């Protein structure tokens, strides 16, 4: 069935607002200057629980698939909340090219990757489709 576009200029696009500078600095420090990055990133998530890049980074940092899944899922769900608060109504673009969207997209991509790893095929496929719907250029180059 052909895709029907009811928008005159294409689907709407949502861009998340930037994170606070102190949150960005704390995550950078947790990622680079720490002997225990999991604990340091976890502290950033605790202090800024809606900081999506922190949740995605926590998922990246843990070795246990179940813990990575939990971190990515938290980032994904917090991201849906932030998208809705930014005007997203369940459809439209959330593109990687907008730096402030990357934490959400990283969490969703991480959730997809771990779902595939643990054999949760339906979640893997659902996340993969959602990523392509949010950003038709997915996956990002590089």
Protein backbone atom coordinates (compact mmCIF):
# COMPACT_ATOMS: atom_id res chain seq x y z
CA UNK A 1 0.00 0.00 0.00
CA UNK A 2 1.47 3.42 -0.90
CA UNK A 3 2.35 5.86 1.85
CA UNK A 4 -0.16 8.68 2.19
CA UNK A 5 1.25 12.04 3.30
CA UNK A 6 -1.45 14.35 4.60
CA UNK A 7 1.01 17.13 5.50
CA UNK A 8 1.70 19.91 3.02
CA UNK A 9 5.41 20.04 3.90
CA UNK A 10 5.94 16.50 5.18
CA UNK A 11 5.51 15.08 8.68
CA UNK A 12 6.21 17.40 11.59
CA UNK A 13 9.66 17.30 13.15
CA UNK A 14 10.38 17.43 16.87
CA UNK A 15 13.68 18.66 18.28
CA UNK A 16 14.28 18.16 21.98
CA UNK A 17 15.57 21.11 24.00
CA UNK A 18 19.22 21.03 25.07
CA UNK A 19 20.36 19.51 28.34
CA UNK A 20 21.70 21.76 31.12
CA UNK A 21 25.38 22.56 30.76
CA UNK A 22 26.19 21.13 34.19
CA UNK A 23 24.54 17.81 33.25
CA UNK A 24 26.58 17.65 30.03
CA UNK A 25 29.78 18.39 31.96
CA UNK A 26 28.97 15.75 34.58
CA UNK A 27 28.37 13.10 31.92
CA UNK A 28 31.58 14.03 30.12
CA UNK A 29 33.51 13.69 33.38
CA UNK A 30 31.83 10.37 34.16
CA UNK A 31 32.80 9.03 30.75
CA UNK A 32 36.40 10.22 30.72
CA UNK A 33 37.82 10.82 34.18
CA UNK A 34 36.59 7.93 36.25
CA UNK A 35 37.79 4.53 37.47
CA UNK A 36 34.19 3.30 37.82
CA UNK A 37 32.25 4.74 34.87
CA UNK A 38 29.11 2.70 35.58
CA UNK A 39 28.77 4.18 39.06
CA UNK A 40 29.69 7.67 37.82
CA UNK A 41 27.19 7.55 34.96
CA UNK A 42 24.58 6.13 37.34
CA UNK A 43 25.11 9.14 39.57
CA UNK A 44 24.47 11.44 36.60
CA UNK A 45 21.24 9.54 35.85
CA UNK A 46 20.21 9.89 39.47
CA UNK A 47 20.88 13.63 39.57
CA UNK A 48 19.27 14.32 36.16
CA UNK A 49 16.72 11.51 35.66
CA UNK A 50 15.39 12.96 32.39
CA UNK A 51 18.88 13.25 30.83
CA UNK A 52 18.51 10.84 27.93
CA UNK A 53 22.16 10.67 26.87
CA UNK A 54 23.06 9.64 30.42
CA UNK A 55 20.66 6.67 30.28
CA UNK A 56 21.98 5.68 26.86
CA UNK A 57 25.55 5.97 28.15
CA UNK A 58 24.69 3.82 31.17
CA UNK A 59 23.31 1.16 28.83
CA UNK A 60 26.53 1.35 26.80
CA UNK A 61 28.70 1.04 29.92
CA UNK A 62 27.22 -2.04 31.59
CA UNK A 63 28.24 -5.54 30.54
CA UNK A 64 25.15 -7.40 31.73
CA UNK A 65 22.49 -7.46 28.97
CA UNK A 66 19.57 -7.28 31.43
CA UNK A 67 21.02 -4.14 33.05
CA UNK A 68 21.77 -2.57 29.67
CA UNK A 69 18.20 -3.35 28.60
CA UNK A 70 16.85 -1.66 31.73
CA UNK A 71 18.97 1.47 31.21
CA UNK A 72 18.07 1.77 27.53
CA UNK A 73 14.37 1.18 28.25
CA UNK A 74 14.43 3.88 30.93
CA UNK A 75 16.03 6.32 28.48
CA UNK A 76 13.51 5.37 25.83
CA UNK A 77 10.49 5.90 28.08
CA UNK A 78 11.85 9.12 29.59
CA UNK A 79 12.48 10.19 26.01
CA UNK A 80 8.88 9.57 25.01
CA UNK A 81 7.83 11.77 27.93
CA UNK A 82 10.20 14.54 26.84
CA UNK A 83 9.12 14.27 23.20
CA UNK A 84 5.47 14.63 24.17
CA UNK A 85 6.33 17.63 26.34
CA UNK A 86 8.07 19.11 23.28
CA UNK A 87 4.99 18.81 21.09
CA UNK A 88 5.44 15.36 19.56
CA UNK A 89 2.07 13.65 19.14
CA UNK A 90 3.14 10.10 18.40
CA UNK A 91 4.18 10.61 14.80
CA UNK A 92 6.60 12.71 12.84
CA UNK A 93 10.34 12.93 12.67
CA UNK A 94 12.87 12.90 15.49
CA UNK A 95 16.10 13.06 13.53
CA UNK A 96 19.66 12.14 14.46
CA UNK A 97 21.01 15.24 12.72
CA UNK A 98 19.61 17.28 15.63
CA UNK A 99 22.17 16.80 18.39
CA UNK A 100 19.62 17.14 21.17
CA UNK A 101 17.64 14.15 19.84
CA UNK A 102 20.59 11.77 19.97
CA UNK A 103 20.21 10.63 23.57
CA UNK A 104 16.70 9.39 22.83
CA UNK A 105 17.70 7.75 19.56
CA UNK A 106 20.75 6.13 21.19
CA UNK A 107 18.54 4.70 23.94
CA UNK A 108 16.07 3.34 21.39
CA UNK A 109 18.86 1.88 19.23
CA UNK A 110 20.49 0.34 22.32
CA UNK A 111 17.16 -1.19 23.33
CA UNK A 112 16.83 -2.66 19.86
CA UNK A 113 20.37 -4.04 19.91
CA UNK A 114 20.00 -5.70 23.33
CA UNK A 115 16.54 -7.03 22.48
CA UNK A 116 18.12 -8.78 19.48
CA UNK A 117 20.96 -10.04 21.68
CA UNK A 118 18.63 -11.63 24.22
CA UNK A 119 16.28 -13.06 21.59
CA UNK A 120 13.38 -10.67 22.08
CA UNK A 121 12.60 -10.63 18.37
CA UNK A 122 9.35 -8.66 18.45
CA UNK A 123 10.93 -5.83 20.48
CA UNK A 124 13.95 -5.83 18.18
CA UNK A 125 11.73 -5.50 15.10
CA UNK A 126 9.44 -2.90 16.70
CA UNK A 127 12.40 -0.71 17.73
CA UNK A 128 14.07 -1.06 14.31
CA UNK A 129 10.87 0.04 12.56
CA UNK A 130 10.34 2.92 14.99
CA UNK A 131 13.89 4.19 14.40
CA UNK A 132 13.29 4.27 10.63
CA UNK A 133 9.94 6.01 11.12
CA UNK A 134 11.52 8.66 13.34
CA UNK A 135 14.44 9.22 11.00
CA UNK A 136 14.18 7.90 7.42
CA UNK A 137 17.97 8.29 7.10
CA UNK A 138 18.54 5.81 9.96
CA UNK A 139 21.11 4.51 10.75
CA UNK A 140 23.37 7.54 10.97
CA UNK A 141 26.61 7.47 9.01
CA UNK A 142 29.75 6.80 10.98
